[in-house]
Structures are given as structure tokens and as C-alpha cells.
C-alpha atoms as a PDB file:
ATOM      1  CA  MET A   1     -16.286  25.973 -47.896  1.00  0.00           C
ATOM      2  CA  HIS A   2     -14.734  29.382 -48.431  1.00  0.00           C
ATOM      3  CA  ARG A   3     -14.823  30.045 -44.671  1.00  0.00           C
ATOM      4  CA  LEU A   4     -13.041  26.754 -43.972  1.00  0.00           C
ATOM      5  CA  LYS A   5     -10.241  27.563 -46.417  1.00  0.00           C
ATOM      6  CA  ARG A   6      -9.841  31.108 -45.110  1.00  0.00           C
ATOM      7  CA  ARG A   7      -9.613  29.882 -41.506  1.00  0.00           C
ATOM      8  CA  ALA A   8      -7.065  27.223 -42.526  1.00  0.00           C
ATOM      9  CA  GLN A   9      -4.890  29.931 -44.110  1.00  0.00           C
ATOM     10  CA  GLU A  10      -5.248  32.286 -41.133  1.00  0.00           C
ATOM     11  CA  GLN A  11      -4.562  29.525 -38.567  1.00  0.00           C
ATOM     12  CA  PRO A  12      -1.978  27.253 -40.267  1.00  0.00           C
ATOM     13  CA  ASN A  13      -1.091  25.395 -37.042  1.00  0.00           C
ATOM     14  CA  GLU A  14      -4.700  24.476 -36.266  1.00  0.00           C
ATOM     15  CA  PRO A  15      -5.433  20.804 -37.043  1.00  0.00           C
ATOM     16  CA  PRO A  16      -8.039  20.187 -39.783  1.00  0.00           C
ATOM     17  CA  HIS A  17     -10.587  18.710 -37.346  1.00  0.00           C
ATOM     18  CA  GLN A  18     -10.483  21.925 -35.293  1.00  0.00           C
ATOM     19  CA  VAL A  19     -10.904  24.068 -38.410  1.00  0.00           C
ATOM     20  CA  ILE A  20     -13.959  22.023 -39.394  1.00  0.00           C
ATOM     21  CA  ALA A  21     -15.447  21.996 -35.894  1.00  0.00           C
ATOM     22  CA  GLY A  22     -14.794  25.702 -35.368  1.00  0.00           C
ATOM     23  CA  GLU A  23     -16.477  26.747 -38.588  1.00  0.00           C
ATOM     24  CA  LEU A  24     -19.372  24.296 -38.632  1.00  0.00           C
ATOM     25  CA  THR A  25     -20.536  24.339 -34.991  1.00  0.00           C
ATOM     26  CA  ASN A  26     -22.592  27.473 -35.596  1.00  0.00           C
ATOM     27  CA  GLU A  27     -23.927  26.285 -38.943  1.00  0.00           C
ATOM     28  CA  HIS A  28     -27.566  25.230 -38.503  1.00  0.00           C
ATOM     29  CA  LYS A  29     -28.764  25.292 -42.101  1.00  0.00           C
ATOM     30  CA  GLU A  30     -29.436  21.689 -43.017  1.00  0.00           C
ATOM     31  CA  GLU A  31     -29.057  22.311 -46.747  1.00  0.00           C
ATOM     32  CA  VAL A  32     -25.537  23.673 -46.192  1.00  0.00           C
ATOM     33  CA  LEU A  33     -24.484  20.771 -43.989  1.00  0.00           C
ATOM     34  CA  ALA A  34     -26.065  18.229 -46.336  1.00  0.00           C
ATOM     35  CA  ASN A  35     -24.127  19.558 -49.336  1.00  0.00           C
ATOM     36  CA  LEU A  36     -20.696  19.531 -47.729  1.00  0.00           C
ATOM     37  CA  PRO A  37     -18.114  17.156 -49.211  1.00  0.00           C
ATOM     38  CA  GLU A  38     -17.115  14.004 -47.344  1.00  0.00           C
ATOM     39  CA  HIS A  39     -14.835  14.456 -44.344  1.00  0.00           C
ATOM     40  CA  GLN A  40     -11.697  13.227 -46.159  1.00  0.00           C
ATOM     41  CA  HIS A  41     -12.302  15.733 -48.961  1.00  0.00           C
ATOM     42  CA  LEU A  42     -12.798  18.557 -46.443  1.00  0.00           C
ATOM     43  CA  ARG A  43      -9.478  17.665 -44.820  1.00  0.00           C
ATOM     44  CA  ARG A  44      -7.722  17.587 -48.187  1.00  0.00           C
ATOM     45  CA  SER A  45      -9.141  21.019 -49.095  1.00  0.00           C
ATOM     46  CA  ILE A  46      -7.972  22.413 -45.764  1.00  0.00           C
ATOM     47  CA  ASP A  47      -4.485  20.961 -46.283  1.00  0.00           C
ATOM     48  CA  ARG A  48      -4.312  22.504 -49.765  1.00  0.00           C
ATOM     49  CA  ALA A  49      -5.407  25.888 -48.396  1.00  0.00           C
ATOM     50  CA  LYS A  50      -2.654  25.717 -45.757  1.00  0.00           C
ATOM     51  CA  SER A  51      -0.075  24.692 -48.366  1.00  0.00           C
ATOM     52  CA  SER A  52      -0.935  27.650 -50.579  1.00  0.00           C
ATOM     53  CA  ARG A  53       0.507  29.977 -47.922  1.00  0.00           C
ATOM     54  CA  ARG A  54       3.702  28.003 -47.352  1.00  0.00           C
ATOM     55  CA  SER A  55       6.856  28.864 -49.203  1.00  0.00           C
ATOM     56  CA  ALA A  56       8.328  26.345 -51.620  1.00  0.00           C
ATOM     57  CA  ASN A  57      10.906  23.891 -50.356  1.00  0.00           C
ATOM     58  CA  PRO A  58      14.435  25.262 -50.800  1.00  0.00           C
ATOM     59  CA  THR A  59      16.704  23.621 -53.322  1.00  0.00           C
ATOM     60  CA  HIS A  60      20.100  24.690 -51.927  1.00  0.00           C
ATOM     61  CA  LEU A  61      21.467  25.039 -48.402  1.00  0.00           C
ATOM     62  CA  ASN A  62      22.524  28.619 -49.012  1.00  0.00           C
ATOM     63  CA  SER A  63      19.134  29.657 -50.383  1.00  0.00           C
ATOM     64  CA  PHE A  64      17.244  29.973 -47.095  1.00  0.00           C
ATOM     65  CA  ASP A  65      17.342  31.285 -43.558  1.00  0.00           C
ATOM     66  CA  ILE A  66      15.174  29.859 -40.813  1.00  0.00           C
ATOM     67  CA  LEU A  67      13.104  32.765 -39.506  1.00  0.00           C
ATOM     68  CA  PRO A  68      10.229  33.126 -37.022  1.00  0.00           C
ATOM     69  CA  PRO A  69       7.627  31.668 -36.772  1.00  0.00           C
ATOM     70  CA  ASN A  70       9.563  28.609 -38.027  1.00  0.00           C
ATOM     71  CA  THR A  71      11.956  28.800 -35.074  1.00  0.00           C
ATOM     72  CA  GLU A  72       9.283  28.099 -32.440  1.00  0.00           C
ATOM     73  CA  THR A  73       6.878  25.327 -31.513  1.00  0.00           C
ATOM     74  CA  ILE A  74       3.121  25.873 -31.606  1.00  0.00           C
ATOM     75  CA  ARG A  75       3.410  26.524 -27.843  1.00  0.00           C
ATOM     76  CA  ASN A  76       5.809  29.410 -28.600  1.00  0.00           C
ATOM     77  CA  GLN A  77       8.877  27.623 -27.231  1.00  0.00           C
ATOM     78  CA  MET A  78      12.173  28.253 -29.026  1.00  0.00           C
ATOM     79  CA  PHE A  79      12.800  25.220 -31.255  1.00  0.00           C
ATOM     80  CA  LEU A  80      15.769  26.185 -33.426  1.00  0.00           C
ATOM     81  CA  HIS A  81      18.650  25.512 -31.044  1.00  0.00           C
ATOM     82  CA  PHE A  82      21.493  25.961 -33.515  1.00  0.00           C
ATOM     83  CA  ASP A  83      21.940  26.888 -37.176  1.00  0.00           C
ATOM     84  CA  SER A  84      25.454  27.318 -38.517  1.00  0.00           C
ATOM     85  CA  GLY A  85      24.002  29.609 -41.202  1.00  0.00           C
ATOM     86  CA  ARG A  86      23.442  29.718 -44.920  1.00  0.00           C
ATOM     87  CA  GLU A  87      27.027  30.797 -45.673  1.00  0.00           C
ATOM     88  CA  GLU A  88      28.448  27.685 -43.975  1.00  0.00           C
ATOM     89  CA  VAL A  89      29.521  25.014 -46.491  1.00  0.00           C
ATOM     90  CA  SER A  90      28.800  22.158 -44.058  1.00  0.00           C
ATOM     91  CA  ARG A  91      25.547  23.507 -42.634  1.00  0.00           C
ATOM     92  CA  LEU A  92      24.360  22.078 -39.321  1.00  0.00           C
ATOM     93  CA  ILE A  93      20.880  22.612 -37.861  1.00  0.00           C
ATOM     94  CA  ILE A  94      19.845  21.408 -34.382  1.00  0.00           C
ATOM     95  CA  LEU A  95      16.148  21.365 -33.511  1.00  0.00           C
ATOM     96  CA  THR A  96      15.101  20.951 -29.868  1.00  0.00           C
ATOM     97  CA  THR A  97      13.592  22.850 -26.946  1.00  0.00           C
ATOM     98  CA  LYS A  98      15.275  23.984 -23.732  1.00  0.00           C
ATOM     99  CA  ARG A  99      13.183  21.489 -21.742  1.00  0.00           C
ATOM    100  CA  ASN A 100      14.214  18.635 -24.040  1.00  0.00           C
ATOM    101  CA  LEU A 101      17.885  19.518 -23.508  1.00  0.00           C
ATOM    102  CA  GLU A 102      17.364  19.444 -19.728  1.00  0.00           C
ATOM    103  CA  ILE A 103      15.789  15.990 -20.010  1.00  0.00           C
ATOM    104  CA  LEU A 104      18.586  14.894 -22.332  1.00  0.00           C
ATOM    105  CA  CYS A 105      21.208  15.859 -19.746  1.00  0.00           C
ATOM    106  CA  GLN A 106      19.473  14.022 -16.904  1.00  0.00           C
ATOM    107  CA  ASN A 107      18.632  10.683 -18.511  1.00  0.00           C
ATOM    108  CA  ARG A 108      19.852   7.789 -20.547  1.00  0.00           C
ATOM    109  CA  ILE A 109      20.276   8.717 -24.197  1.00  0.00           C
ATOM    110  CA  PHE A 110      19.636   6.665 -27.312  1.00  0.00           C
ATOM    111  CA  SER A 111      21.012   8.039 -30.560  1.00  0.00           C
ATOM    112  CA  ASN A 112      20.432   7.108 -34.156  1.00  0.00           C
ATOM    113  CA  GLY A 113      21.946   8.563 -37.285  1.00  0.00           C
ATOM    114  CA  THR A 114      20.399   7.752 -40.610  1.00  0.00           C
ATOM    115  CA  PHE A 115      21.146   8.681 -44.180  1.00  0.00           C
ATOM    116  CA  LYS A 116      18.009   7.325 -45.874  1.00  0.00           C
ATOM    117  CA  THR A 117      15.444   9.722 -44.365  1.00  0.00           C
ATOM    118  CA  ALA A 118      17.558  12.883 -44.346  1.00  0.00           C
ATOM    119  CA  PRO A 119      16.161  15.744 -46.455  1.00  0.00           C
ATOM    120  CA  HIS A 120      17.829  15.751 -49.880  1.00  0.00           C
ATOM    121  CA  MET A 121      20.134  18.705 -49.081  1.00  0.00           C
ATOM    122  CA  PHE A 122      21.572  17.066 -45.959  1.00  0.00           C
ATOM    123  CA  THR A 123      23.825  14.051 -45.575  1.00  0.00           C
ATOM    124  CA  GLN A 124      22.560  12.786 -42.247  1.00  0.00           C
ATOM    125  CA  LEU A 125      19.585  13.058 -39.911  1.00  0.00           C
ATOM    126  CA  PHE A 126      20.652  12.362 -36.344  1.00  0.00           C
ATOM    127  CA  ALA A 127      17.973  11.795 -33.685  1.00  0.00           C
ATOM    128  CA  GLU A 128      18.425  11.575 -29.924  1.00  0.00           C
ATOM    129  CA  GLN A 129      15.853  10.018 -27.623  1.00  0.00           C
ATOM    130  CA  GLY A 130      15.826   9.861 -23.839  1.00  0.00           C
ATOM    131  CA  CYS A 131      14.446   7.329 -21.413  1.00  0.00           C
ATOM    132  CA  SER A 132      13.025   8.408 -18.064  1.00  0.00           C
ATOM    133  CA  ARG A 133      10.840   6.089 -15.973  1.00  0.00           C
ATOM    134  CA  ILE A 134       9.876   3.975 -18.973  1.00  0.00           C
ATOM    135  CA  ILE A 135       8.828   7.057 -20.947  1.00  0.00           C
ATOM    136  CA  TYR A 136      10.671   7.361 -24.229  1.00  0.00           C
ATOM    137  CA  SER A 137      10.645  10.706 -25.976  1.00  0.00           C
ATOM    138  CA  HIS A 138      12.262  12.266 -29.016  1.00  0.00           C
ATOM    139  CA  LEU A 139      14.505  15.029 -27.677  1.00  0.00           C
ATOM    140  CA  SER A 140      16.464  16.536 -30.535  1.00  0.00           C
ATOM    141  CA  THR A 141      17.052  16.334 -34.247  1.00  0.00           C
ATOM    142  CA  ARG A 142      20.265  17.295 -35.984  1.00  0.00           C
ATOM    143  CA  LEU A 143      20.573  17.785 -39.737  1.00  0.00           C
ATOM    144  CA  GLN A 144      24.082  17.942 -41.113  1.00  0.00           C
ATOM    145  CA  THR A 145      25.809  18.010 -44.461  1.00  0.00           C
ATOM    146  CA  GLY A 146      29.075  16.427 -43.365  1.00  0.00           C
ATOM    147  CA  LYS A 147      30.077  13.583 -41.072  1.00  0.00           C
ATOM    148  CA  THR A 148      32.985  15.035 -39.099  1.00  0.00           C
ATOM    149  CA  LYS A 149      33.030  13.912 -35.469  1.00  0.00           C
ATOM    150  CA  LYS A 150      34.694  17.087 -34.117  1.00  0.00           C
ATOM    151  CA  ARG A 151      32.082  19.412 -35.584  1.00  0.00           C
ATOM    152  CA  THR A 152      29.181  17.422 -34.145  1.00  0.00           C
ATOM    153  CA  THR A 153      30.722  17.398 -30.659  1.00  0.00           C
ATOM    154  CA  ASP A 154      31.530  21.142 -30.702  1.00  0.00           C
ATOM    155  CA  CYS A 155      28.016  22.164 -31.723  1.00  0.00           C
ATOM    156  CA  THR A 156      26.262  19.837 -29.307  1.00  0.00           C
ATOM    157  CA  LEU A 157      28.136  21.235 -26.338  1.00  0.00           C
ATOM    158  CA  SER A 158      27.608  24.899 -27.244  1.00  0.00           C
END
């Protein structure tokens, strides 16, 4: 169990099933395998081990910067497209990849702004999806504290 937790902490982006498979494939002792907790409990332990290394959720917009590795996808693609910064009163964060922006520019766009699911520090979560040959995909997410139309347009075009 200790090996599972250590691997989960060292490889936080690895899904729980891969952590379990990677650590238990070489385990041939029947008494060890027989005494392992149920699968759901293993997953929960792995999730807790991963969480122990994560920083606490921020409570104010000016209390955090978004730094690597949190600016990239698990495939090492840049994901933080725009951040107006912690000193900005109306902070705006745009999350997308370069490839998603290319797709966004070439296809039909569906947009949806919602207030209910936005993180508590933000006013609105704005999602943009694209449609290409009957494939729908989520292309960008924008978190903003204010609702001014000019600001949204300026940042999207930059």
C-alpha cells in the first residue's frame, strides 16, 4: 500500500488504475494480493495521496499565480492561453491549447456562459465548443470576474 501511495504522489497525473496496475503487476505473493483492500478503497487511497501534494484552493483572486506545471496539459501542450494577472481587479483567465484555437477559427462555434458552475471567486464560466464533421469538442474555457463585453472581445482576439 505504501508503494501505491508513493507512486501516486510522484506521478500525480497518472490515473489510479495505472498506478494500481503498475505497482501490482510484479507482485506475485498471494498473501499480499489477498490482503489488499477492495478496488474502490485502493482508488480512494490513491486520490488522497495525490491530494496531499496539492496546494489548497485559493480564497482570493489576488492570492495566487498560475505557474508550471499547471499551465500545461499532461501532453506538455501550453494550456494557459491568457491570465490578466493577480493584480487585475477584474481577473480573466482563458484556458485552451493552440490546436483548439486553430479548430475554433475554422469551424462553427457554440458558446455558453454560465454563472451557476463558475468557481466561487469568478462571476462567469464561459465555454466555447466547435463542430467539425459531426465531432463536437470543448475548445476553450474562460473564467472572468466581470461581465463587460469590450474586455471579453479584446482578450479573445489577442
